[in-house]
Amino acid sequence: MCSGDLRRACATLAALLVTLPGLACVREVEVSWRIDASAASASAVNIELAVTRGSCALEGPSAYAAVIPHARGVTRALPRLAAGDYCFRARTLDVECRPTAEGQTDASLPTDGGNVTTRLDPRAFGTSVCSASEACSAGTCVPAADAGADDAATPDAAGLDSGGSDGGDGR
């Protein structure tokens, strides 16, 4: 009876030893991403790039993000990514951070040849993509300048208010 228990323990240990190396090894692949922005407006100044885990239908965790100068055709070598499904999204922005073209591609890595291509289609959006806490600076959303005290969103009426400086000048 003891020898049967020992055999089961040895079989379990052998199965673990075979399985563990595969679990510990995450396969990473090289990816070259081509962005075809030939249909983008002549007013485009930047291209916003985003790669997320999973499909484009779902918003997965970020794997890569960048803002690069606009060009009609761009090929970008990405950092090595783990094998799996990804969404490659890109959009061009004009000087006021308004999108002029966008596109997305679902890809399962590794791909044949390690290449992914996303074609951008023209879009006409009237508003900036920057959040309320950001400002647009030459086609790039940047953190807005700190306006000073807690009442910074309240305009001054030339008199004293409840806080310090509203201009961020430290006075």
N, C-alpha and C. Protein backbone atom coordinates (compact mmCIF):
# COMPACT_ATOMS: atom_id res chain seq x y z
N MET A 1 0.83 -1.19 0.00
CA MET A 1 0.00 0.00 0.00
C MET A 1 0.88 1.25 0.00
N CYS A 2 1.93 1.25 0.73
CA CYS A 2 2.82 2.39 0.77
C CYS A 2 3.46 2.61 -0.58
N SER A 3 3.79 1.55 -1.31
CA SER A 3 4.43 1.72 -2.61
C SER A 3 3.47 2.35 -3.62
N GLY A 4 2.13 2.12 -3.51
CA GLY A 4 1.14 2.74 -4.40
C GLY A 4 1.07 4.24 -4.17
N ASP A 5 1.09 4.64 -2.90
CA ASP A 5 1.08 6.06 -2.57
C ASP A 5 2.35 6.74 -3.09
N LEU A 6 3.45 6.05 -2.97
CA LEU A 6 4.72 6.59 -3.44
C LEU A 6 4.70 6.73 -4.96
N ARG A 7 4.12 5.76 -5.65
CA ARG A 7 4.03 5.84 -7.12
C ARG A 7 3.15 7.03 -7.54
N ARG A 8 2.02 7.23 -6.86
CA ARG A 8 1.14 8.37 -7.18
C ARG A 8 1.87 9.69 -6.92
N ALA A 9 2.60 9.78 -5.83
CA ALA A 9 3.34 10.99 -5.51
C ALA A 9 4.41 11.27 -6.57
N CYS A 10 5.11 10.21 -6.99
CA CYS A 10 6.13 10.37 -8.04
C CYS A 10 5.49 10.79 -9.36
N ALA A 11 4.33 10.22 -9.69
CA ALA A 11 3.64 10.58 -10.93
C ALA A 11 3.19 12.04 -10.88
N THR A 12 2.68 12.48 -9.74
CA THR A 12 2.25 13.88 -9.59
C THR A 12 3.44 14.81 -9.71
N LEU A 13 4.55 14.47 -9.06
CA LEU A 13 5.76 15.28 -9.14
C LEU A 13 6.28 15.34 -10.57
N ALA A 14 6.27 14.24 -11.27
CA ALA A 14 6.73 14.22 -12.66
C ALA A 14 5.85 15.10 -13.54
N ALA A 15 4.53 15.05 -13.32
CA ALA A 15 3.62 15.89 -14.10
C ALA A 15 3.88 17.37 -13.84
N LEU A 16 4.14 17.73 -12.58
CA LEU A 16 4.45 19.12 -12.25
C LEU A 16 5.74 19.58 -12.90
N LEU A 17 6.75 18.73 -12.89
CA LEU A 17 8.03 19.09 -13.47
C LEU A 17 7.91 19.30 -14.99
N VAL A 18 7.03 18.57 -15.64
CA VAL A 18 6.82 18.73 -17.07
C VAL A 18 6.03 20.01 -17.35
N THR A 19 5.05 20.33 -16.50
CA THR A 19 4.16 21.47 -16.71
C THR A 19 4.80 22.80 -16.33
N LEU A 20 5.53 22.88 -15.24
CA LEU A 20 6.06 24.14 -14.72
C LEU A 20 6.94 24.90 -15.69
N PRO A 21 7.86 24.28 -16.42
CA PRO A 21 8.68 25.08 -17.33
C PRO A 21 7.84 25.82 -18.37
N GLY A 22 6.78 25.23 -18.85
CA GLY A 22 5.91 25.90 -19.82
C GLY A 22 5.18 27.08 -19.21
N LEU A 23 4.82 26.98 -17.93
CA LEU A 23 4.13 28.08 -17.27
C LEU A 23 5.06 29.24 -16.98
N ALA A 24 6.31 28.95 -16.71
CA ALA A 24 7.26 29.99 -16.34
C ALA A 24 7.77 30.76 -17.56
N CYS A 25 7.61 30.22 -18.75
CA CYS A 25 8.16 30.83 -19.95
C CYS A 25 7.06 31.55 -20.72
N VAL A 26 7.15 32.88 -20.80
CA VAL A 26 6.21 33.68 -21.57
C VAL A 26 6.89 34.00 -22.89
N ARG A 27 6.27 33.62 -23.98
CA ARG A 27 6.86 33.83 -25.29
C ARG A 27 6.62 35.28 -25.73
N GLU A 28 7.69 35.99 -26.01
CA GLU A 28 7.58 37.35 -26.50
C GLU A 28 7.98 37.38 -27.97
N VAL A 29 7.34 38.26 -28.72
CA VAL A 29 7.60 38.33 -30.15
C VAL A 29 7.90 39.76 -30.58
N GLU A 30 8.64 39.90 -31.66
CA GLU A 30 8.91 41.21 -32.24
C GLU A 30 7.78 41.56 -33.19
N VAL A 31 7.39 42.84 -33.18
CA VAL A 31 6.29 43.29 -34.02
C VAL A 31 6.71 44.57 -34.73
N SER A 32 6.42 44.61 -36.02
CA SER A 32 6.60 45.82 -36.81
C SER A 32 5.20 46.29 -37.21
N TRP A 33 4.86 47.53 -36.82
CA TRP A 33 3.51 48.05 -37.06
C TRP A 33 3.58 49.13 -38.13
N ARG A 34 2.87 48.90 -39.23
CA ARG A 34 2.81 49.88 -40.31
C ARG A 34 1.49 50.62 -40.21
N ILE A 35 1.56 51.95 -40.18
CA ILE A 35 0.36 52.79 -40.11
C ILE A 35 0.25 53.51 -41.44
N ASP A 36 -0.81 53.21 -42.20
CA ASP A 36 -1.06 53.86 -43.48
C ASP A 36 -1.97 55.04 -43.24
N ALA A 37 -1.38 56.24 -43.17
CA ALA A 37 -2.14 57.46 -42.91
C ALA A 37 -2.28 58.30 -44.17
N SER A 38 -2.23 57.66 -45.33
CA SER A 38 -2.28 58.41 -46.60
C SER A 38 -3.61 59.12 -46.80
N ALA A 39 -4.69 58.64 -46.17
CA ALA A 39 -6.00 59.27 -46.32
C ALA A 39 -6.24 60.37 -45.29
N ALA A 40 -5.28 60.60 -44.41
CA ALA A 40 -5.46 61.62 -43.36
C ALA A 40 -5.43 63.02 -43.97
N SER A 41 -6.08 63.93 -43.29
CA SER A 41 -6.12 65.32 -43.72
C SER A 41 -4.73 65.93 -43.72
N ALA A 42 -4.53 66.89 -44.60
CA ALA A 42 -3.24 67.60 -44.64
C ALA A 42 -2.99 68.38 -43.36
N SER A 43 -4.05 68.61 -42.57
CA SER A 43 -3.88 69.35 -41.32
C SER A 43 -3.38 68.48 -40.17
N ALA A 44 -3.25 67.18 -40.38
CA ALA A 44 -2.78 66.29 -39.31
C ALA A 44 -1.32 66.59 -38.97
N VAL A 45 -1.04 66.68 -37.67
CA VAL A 45 0.33 66.95 -37.22
C VAL A 45 0.93 65.79 -36.44
N ASN A 46 0.09 64.99 -35.77
CA ASN A 46 0.57 63.87 -34.96
C ASN A 46 -0.26 62.62 -35.20
N ILE A 47 0.33 61.47 -34.86
CA ILE A 47 -0.39 60.20 -34.87
C ILE A 47 -0.34 59.65 -33.46
N GLU A 48 -1.50 59.36 -32.89
CA GLU A 48 -1.62 58.74 -31.57
C GLU A 48 -1.68 57.23 -31.79
N LEU A 49 -0.79 56.50 -31.14
CA LEU A 49 -0.73 55.04 -31.27
C LEU A 49 -1.11 54.39 -29.95
N ALA A 50 -1.89 53.30 -30.02
CA ALA A 50 -2.26 52.56 -28.81
C ALA A 50 -2.40 51.08 -29.15
N VAL A 51 -1.74 50.25 -28.36
CA VAL A 51 -1.88 48.80 -28.49
C VAL A 51 -2.41 48.30 -27.15
N THR A 52 -3.53 47.56 -27.20
CA THR A 52 -4.13 47.01 -25.99
C THR A 52 -4.26 45.51 -26.12
N ARG A 53 -4.26 44.83 -24.98
CA ARG A 53 -4.45 43.37 -24.96
C ARG A 53 -5.90 43.06 -25.32
N GLY A 54 -6.12 41.96 -26.03
CA GLY A 54 -7.47 41.52 -26.38
C GLY A 54 -7.91 42.09 -27.71
N SER A 55 -9.19 41.97 -27.99
CA SER A 55 -9.72 42.42 -29.28
C SER A 55 -10.10 43.90 -29.23
N CYS A 56 -10.30 44.48 -30.41
CA CYS A 56 -10.68 45.89 -30.50
C CYS A 56 -12.10 46.11 -29.99
N ALA A 57 -12.91 45.05 -29.93
CA ALA A 57 -14.29 45.18 -29.44
C ALA A 57 -14.32 45.43 -27.93
N LEU A 58 -13.25 45.07 -27.23
CA LEU A 58 -13.16 45.26 -25.78
C LEU A 58 -11.97 46.15 -25.46
N GLU A 59 -12.08 46.96 -24.45
CA GLU A 59 -10.98 47.83 -24.03
C GLU A 59 -10.10 47.07 -23.05
N GLY A 60 -9.00 46.53 -23.52
CA GLY A 60 -8.10 45.76 -22.67
C GLY A 60 -7.01 46.63 -22.09
N PRO A 61 -6.14 46.04 -21.26
CA PRO A 61 -5.04 46.81 -20.66
C PRO A 61 -4.04 47.25 -21.73
N SER A 62 -3.44 48.40 -21.50
CA SER A 62 -2.49 48.97 -22.44
C SER A 62 -1.20 48.15 -22.50
N ALA A 63 -0.72 47.91 -23.73
CA ALA A 63 0.55 47.24 -23.93
C ALA A 63 1.59 48.21 -24.51
N TYR A 64 1.10 49.29 -25.14
CA TYR A 64 2.00 50.27 -25.76
C TYR A 64 1.20 51.52 -26.10
N ALA A 65 1.81 52.68 -25.94
CA ALA A 65 1.17 53.94 -26.34
C ALA A 65 2.26 54.95 -26.69
N ALA A 66 1.99 55.76 -27.72
CA ALA A 66 2.95 56.79 -28.13
C ALA A 66 2.24 57.82 -28.99
N VAL A 67 2.83 59.01 -29.07
CA VAL A 67 2.40 60.04 -30.01
C VAL A 67 3.63 60.36 -30.84
N ILE A 68 3.47 60.26 -32.16
CA ILE A 68 4.60 60.49 -33.07
C ILE A 68 4.20 61.52 -34.12
N PRO A 69 5.17 62.17 -34.74
CA PRO A 69 4.84 63.14 -35.79
C PRO A 69 4.14 62.45 -36.96
N HIS A 70 3.20 63.15 -37.57
CA HIS A 70 2.44 62.60 -38.69
C HIS A 70 3.31 62.41 -39.92
N ALA A 71 3.11 61.32 -40.58
CA ALA A 71 3.70 61.03 -41.89
C ALA A 71 2.69 60.14 -42.61
N ARG A 72 2.67 60.16 -43.92
CA ARG A 72 1.69 59.39 -44.70
C ARG A 72 1.82 57.89 -44.47
N GLY A 73 3.02 57.40 -44.36
CA GLY A 73 3.26 55.98 -44.10
C GLY A 73 4.33 55.84 -43.04
N VAL A 74 4.02 55.20 -41.95
CA VAL A 74 4.95 55.06 -40.83
C VAL A 74 5.08 53.58 -40.49
N THR A 75 6.29 53.12 -40.27
CA THR A 75 6.49 51.78 -39.75
C THR A 75 7.19 51.93 -38.41
N ARG A 76 6.63 51.31 -37.41
CA ARG A 76 7.11 51.47 -36.04
C ARG A 76 7.49 50.11 -35.48
N ALA A 77 8.73 49.94 -35.05
CA ALA A 77 9.14 48.72 -34.35
C ALA A 77 8.69 48.87 -32.90
N LEU A 78 7.91 47.92 -32.43
CA LEU A 78 7.38 47.99 -31.07
C LEU A 78 8.26 47.21 -30.11
N PRO A 79 8.16 47.50 -28.82
CA PRO A 79 8.84 46.66 -27.84
C PRO A 79 8.30 45.23 -27.98
N ARG A 80 9.05 44.27 -27.56
CA ARG A 80 8.60 42.88 -27.65
C ARG A 80 7.31 42.71 -26.85
N LEU A 81 6.35 42.02 -27.45
CA LEU A 81 5.06 41.78 -26.82
C LEU A 81 4.87 40.28 -26.62
N ALA A 82 4.16 39.92 -25.55
CA ALA A 82 3.86 38.52 -25.30
C ALA A 82 2.92 38.01 -26.39
N ALA A 83 3.06 36.75 -26.76
CA ALA A 83 2.16 36.16 -27.75
C ALA A 83 0.73 36.28 -27.24
N GLY A 84 -0.21 36.53 -28.14
CA GLY A 84 -1.61 36.65 -27.76
C GLY A 84 -2.35 37.60 -28.67
N ASP A 85 -3.58 37.95 -28.30
CA ASP A 85 -4.44 38.83 -29.10
C ASP A 85 -4.26 40.27 -28.67
N TYR A 86 -4.22 41.16 -29.68
CA TYR A 86 -4.04 42.60 -29.43
C TYR A 86 -4.91 43.41 -30.36
N CYS A 87 -5.19 44.64 -29.93
CA CYS A 87 -5.84 45.64 -30.76
C CYS A 87 -4.83 46.75 -31.02
N PHE A 88 -4.61 47.06 -32.30
CA PHE A 88 -3.72 48.13 -32.72
C PHE A 88 -4.60 49.28 -33.20
N ARG A 89 -4.58 50.42 -32.46
CA ARG A 89 -5.40 51.59 -32.80
C ARG A 89 -4.50 52.78 -33.09
N ALA A 90 -4.90 53.55 -34.09
CA ALA A 90 -4.15 54.77 -34.42
C ALA A 90 -5.13 55.83 -34.89
N ARG A 91 -4.77 57.08 -34.62
CA ARG A 91 -5.56 58.20 -35.15
C ARG A 91 -4.63 59.39 -35.32
N THR A 92 -4.94 60.19 -36.34
CA THR A 92 -4.18 61.41 -36.56
C THR A 92 -4.90 62.55 -35.88
N LEU A 93 -4.13 63.52 -35.40
CA LEU A 93 -4.68 64.70 -34.73
C LEU A 93 -4.16 65.95 -35.41
N ASP A 94 -5.05 66.95 -35.51
CA ASP A 94 -4.61 68.24 -36.04
C ASP A 94 -3.99 69.07 -34.91
N VAL A 95 -3.60 70.29 -35.20
CA VAL A 95 -2.91 71.14 -34.23
C VAL A 95 -3.78 71.45 -33.01
N GLU A 96 -5.11 71.32 -33.13
CA GLU A 96 -6.03 71.55 -32.01
C GLU A 96 -6.49 70.24 -31.36
N CYS A 97 -5.77 69.15 -31.63
CA CYS A 97 -6.03 67.82 -31.06
C CYS A 97 -7.38 67.24 -31.49
N ARG A 98 -7.83 67.62 -32.68
CA ARG A 98 -9.05 67.04 -33.23
C ARG A 98 -8.65 65.91 -34.17
N PRO A 99 -9.27 64.73 -34.04
CA PRO A 99 -8.94 63.63 -34.94
C PRO A 99 -9.29 63.95 -36.39
N THR A 100 -8.42 63.56 -37.30
CA THR A 100 -8.69 63.73 -38.73
C THR A 100 -8.81 62.39 -39.44
N ALA A 101 -8.28 61.32 -38.85
CA ALA A 101 -8.39 59.97 -39.41
C ALA A 101 -8.16 58.98 -38.28
N GLU A 102 -8.74 57.79 -38.42
CA GLU A 102 -8.52 56.76 -37.40
C GLU A 102 -8.68 55.38 -38.02
N GLY A 103 -8.12 54.39 -37.33
CA GLY A 103 -8.24 53.02 -37.78
C GLY A 103 -7.82 52.08 -36.67
N GLN A 104 -8.20 50.82 -36.82
CA GLN A 104 -7.82 49.81 -35.83
C GLN A 104 -7.71 48.46 -36.52
N THR A 105 -6.86 47.60 -35.93
CA THR A 105 -6.63 46.27 -36.47
C THR A 105 -6.53 45.28 -35.33
N ASP A 106 -7.29 44.19 -35.41
CA ASP A 106 -7.12 43.08 -34.48
C ASP A 106 -6.01 42.19 -35.01
N ALA A 107 -5.11 41.74 -34.14
CA ALA A 107 -4.03 40.84 -34.57
C ALA A 107 -3.73 39.85 -33.47
N SER A 108 -3.45 38.65 -33.87
CA SER A 108 -3.02 37.60 -32.96
C SER A 108 -1.53 37.39 -33.18
N LEU A 109 -0.74 37.64 -32.13
CA LEU A 109 0.72 37.52 -32.24
C LEU A 109 1.17 36.15 -31.80
N PRO A 110 2.15 35.56 -32.44
CA PRO A 110 2.93 36.13 -33.53
C PRO A 110 2.17 36.08 -34.85
N THR A 111 2.50 37.01 -35.75
CA THR A 111 1.91 37.04 -37.08
C THR A 111 2.94 36.53 -38.08
N ASP A 112 2.50 36.21 -39.26
CA ASP A 112 3.45 35.83 -40.31
C ASP A 112 4.35 37.02 -40.61
N GLY A 113 5.62 36.85 -40.45
CA GLY A 113 6.57 37.92 -40.71
C GLY A 113 6.66 38.97 -39.62
N GLY A 114 5.83 38.86 -38.58
CA GLY A 114 5.88 39.82 -37.48
C GLY A 114 5.36 41.20 -37.82
N ASN A 115 4.50 41.30 -38.86
CA ASN A 115 4.00 42.60 -39.31
C ASN A 115 2.51 42.76 -39.06
N VAL A 116 2.12 43.98 -38.67
CA VAL A 116 0.71 44.36 -38.52
C VAL A 116 0.55 45.67 -39.28
N THR A 117 -0.54 45.80 -40.07
CA THR A 117 -0.82 47.03 -40.80
C THR A 117 -2.17 47.58 -40.40
N THR A 118 -2.23 48.87 -40.12
CA THR A 118 -3.49 49.56 -39.81
C THR A 118 -3.66 50.69 -40.81
N ARG A 119 -4.79 50.69 -41.51
CA ARG A 119 -5.11 51.75 -42.46
C ARG A 119 -6.04 52.75 -41.77
N LEU A 120 -5.68 54.03 -41.84
CA LEU A 120 -6.50 55.08 -41.24
C LEU A 120 -7.48 55.63 -42.27
N ASP A 121 -8.73 55.75 -41.85
CA ASP A 121 -9.78 56.32 -42.70
C ASP A 121 -10.09 57.73 -42.23
N PRO A 122 -10.39 58.64 -43.18
CA PRO A 122 -10.69 60.02 -42.80
C PRO A 122 -11.90 60.11 -41.88
N ARG A 123 -11.82 60.98 -40.92
CA ARG A 123 -12.92 61.25 -39.99
C ARG A 123 -12.96 62.76 -39.77
N ALA A 124 -14.14 63.26 -39.50
CA ALA A 124 -14.29 64.69 -39.20
C ALA A 124 -14.90 64.82 -37.81
N PHE A 125 -14.09 65.18 -36.85
CA PHE A 125 -14.53 65.39 -35.49
C PHE A 125 -14.35 66.86 -35.15
N GLY A 126 -15.34 67.45 -34.52
CA GLY A 126 -15.26 68.87 -34.24
C GLY A 126 -14.60 69.25 -32.94
N THR A 127 -14.36 68.27 -32.06
CA THR A 127 -13.84 68.62 -30.73
C THR A 127 -12.52 67.92 -30.45
N SER A 128 -11.78 68.50 -29.55
CA SER A 128 -10.50 67.95 -29.11
C SER A 128 -10.71 66.64 -28.36
N VAL A 129 -9.73 65.75 -28.45
CA VAL A 129 -9.80 64.48 -27.72
C VAL A 129 -9.20 64.59 -26.32
N CYS A 130 -8.67 65.75 -25.97
CA CYS A 130 -8.05 65.94 -24.66
C CYS A 130 -9.11 65.91 -23.56
N SER A 131 -8.76 65.33 -22.43
CA SER A 131 -9.67 65.27 -21.29
C SER A 131 -9.76 66.64 -20.62
N ALA A 132 -10.65 66.76 -19.65
CA ALA A 132 -10.84 68.03 -18.93
C ALA A 132 -9.58 68.45 -18.18
N SER A 133 -8.74 67.49 -17.81
CA SER A 133 -7.52 67.83 -17.07
C SER A 133 -6.32 68.03 -17.99
N GLU A 134 -6.57 68.06 -19.31
CA GLU A 134 -5.49 68.24 -20.28
C GLU A 134 -5.75 69.46 -21.16
N ALA A 135 -4.68 69.93 -21.76
CA ALA A 135 -4.75 71.00 -22.75
C ALA A 135 -4.07 70.50 -24.02
N CYS A 136 -4.43 71.07 -25.14
CA CYS A 136 -3.81 70.69 -26.40
C CYS A 136 -2.61 71.60 -26.66
N SER A 137 -1.49 70.99 -26.99
CA SER A 137 -0.29 71.75 -27.33
C SER A 137 0.26 71.19 -28.64
N ALA A 138 0.00 71.89 -29.73
CA ALA A 138 0.50 71.52 -31.05
C ALA A 138 0.17 70.08 -31.42
N GLY A 139 -1.06 69.67 -31.18
CA GLY A 139 -1.50 68.34 -31.57
C GLY A 139 -1.24 67.24 -30.57
N THR A 140 -0.84 67.60 -29.36
CA THR A 140 -0.58 66.62 -28.31
C THR A 140 -1.31 67.04 -27.03
N CYS A 141 -2.05 66.11 -26.43
CA CYS A 141 -2.71 66.39 -25.16
C CYS A 141 -1.67 66.33 -24.05
N VAL A 142 -1.58 67.40 -23.26
CA VAL A 142 -0.61 67.49 -22.17
C VAL A 142 -1.35 67.88 -20.90
N PRO A 143 -0.80 67.56 -19.73
CA PRO A 143 -1.46 67.98 -18.49
C PRO A 143 -1.66 69.50 -18.48
N ALA A 144 -2.85 69.92 -18.08
CA ALA A 144 -3.14 71.35 -18.01
C ALA A 144 -2.31 72.00 -16.91
N ALA A 145 -1.95 73.25 -17.09
CA ALA A 145 -1.18 73.98 -16.08
C ALA A 145 -2.02 74.13 -14.82
N ASP A 146 -1.40 73.99 -13.67
CA ASP A 146 -2.10 74.16 -12.39
C ASP A 146 -2.48 75.62 -12.26
N ALA A 147 -3.76 75.82 -11.99
CA ALA A 147 -4.25 77.20 -11.92
C ALA A 147 -4.13 77.80 -10.53
N GLY A 148 -3.56 77.12 -9.59
CA GLY A 148 -3.35 77.73 -8.27
C GLY A 148 -4.19 77.11 -7.19
N ALA A 149 -4.99 77.92 -6.50
CA ALA A 149 -5.74 77.50 -5.32
C ALA A 149 -6.93 76.61 -5.68
N ASP A 150 -7.62 76.15 -4.62
CA ASP A 150 -8.76 75.27 -4.78
C ASP A 150 -9.88 75.89 -5.59
N ASP A 151 -9.97 77.21 -5.63
CA ASP A 151 -11.04 77.87 -6.37
C ASP A 151 -10.60 78.26 -7.77
N ALA A 152 -9.61 77.58 -8.29
CA ALA A 152 -9.03 77.96 -9.57
C ALA A 152 -10.03 77.95 -10.71
N ALA A 153 -11.07 77.14 -10.60
CA ALA A 153 -12.06 77.10 -11.68
C ALA A 153 -13.02 78.27 -11.62
N THR A 154 -13.02 79.01 -10.50
CA THR A 154 -13.91 80.16 -10.34
C THR A 154 -13.18 81.41 -10.80
N PRO A 155 -13.72 82.11 -11.81
CA PRO A 155 -13.02 83.32 -12.27
C PRO A 155 -13.06 84.42 -11.21
N ASP A 156 -12.00 85.18 -11.16
CA ASP A 156 -11.94 86.31 -10.24
C ASP A 156 -12.75 87.48 -10.79
N ALA A 157 -13.34 88.23 -9.89
CA ALA A 157 -14.11 89.42 -10.28
C ALA A 157 -13.40 90.67 -9.79
N ALA A 158 -12.09 90.69 -9.88
CA ALA A 158 -11.25 91.83 -9.53
C ALA A 158 -11.16 92.07 -8.03
N GLY A 159 -11.87 91.30 -7.23
CA GLY A 159 -11.78 91.46 -5.79
C GLY A 159 -11.12 90.25 -5.18
N LEU A 160 -11.07 90.21 -3.85
CA LEU A 160 -10.50 89.06 -3.18
C LEU A 160 -11.49 87.91 -3.19
N ASP A 161 -10.96 86.70 -3.27
CA ASP A 161 -11.83 85.53 -3.17
C ASP A 161 -11.30 84.66 -2.04
N SER A 162 -11.78 83.43 -1.94
CA SER A 162 -11.47 82.61 -0.78
C SER A 162 -10.10 81.93 -0.88
N GLY A 163 -9.39 82.05 -1.98
CA GLY A 163 -8.15 81.33 -2.09
C GLY A 163 -6.99 82.22 -2.47
N GLY A 164 -5.88 81.56 -2.73
CA GLY A 164 -4.68 82.27 -3.15
C GLY A 164 -4.73 82.56 -4.63
N SER A 165 -3.59 82.55 -5.22
CA SER A 165 -3.46 82.90 -6.64
C SER A 165 -4.26 81.97 -7.52
N ASP A 166 -4.92 82.52 -8.52
CA ASP A 166 -5.62 81.73 -9.52
C ASP A 166 -4.79 81.65 -10.80
N GLY A 167 -3.65 82.22 -10.81
CA GLY A 167 -2.85 82.27 -12.03
C GLY A 167 -1.64 81.36 -12.00
N GLY A 168 -1.43 80.61 -10.94
CA GLY A 168 -0.31 79.71 -10.86
C GLY A 168 1.03 80.41 -10.73
N ASP A 169 1.01 81.71 -10.32
CA ASP A 169 2.27 82.45 -10.24
C ASP A 169 2.88 82.44 -8.85
N GLY A 170 2.25 81.69 -7.93
CA GLY A 170 2.83 81.54 -6.61
C GLY A 170 2.57 82.66 -5.64
N ARG A 171 1.80 83.67 -6.03
CA ARG A 171 1.52 84.80 -5.13
C ARG A 171 0.20 84.64 -4.46
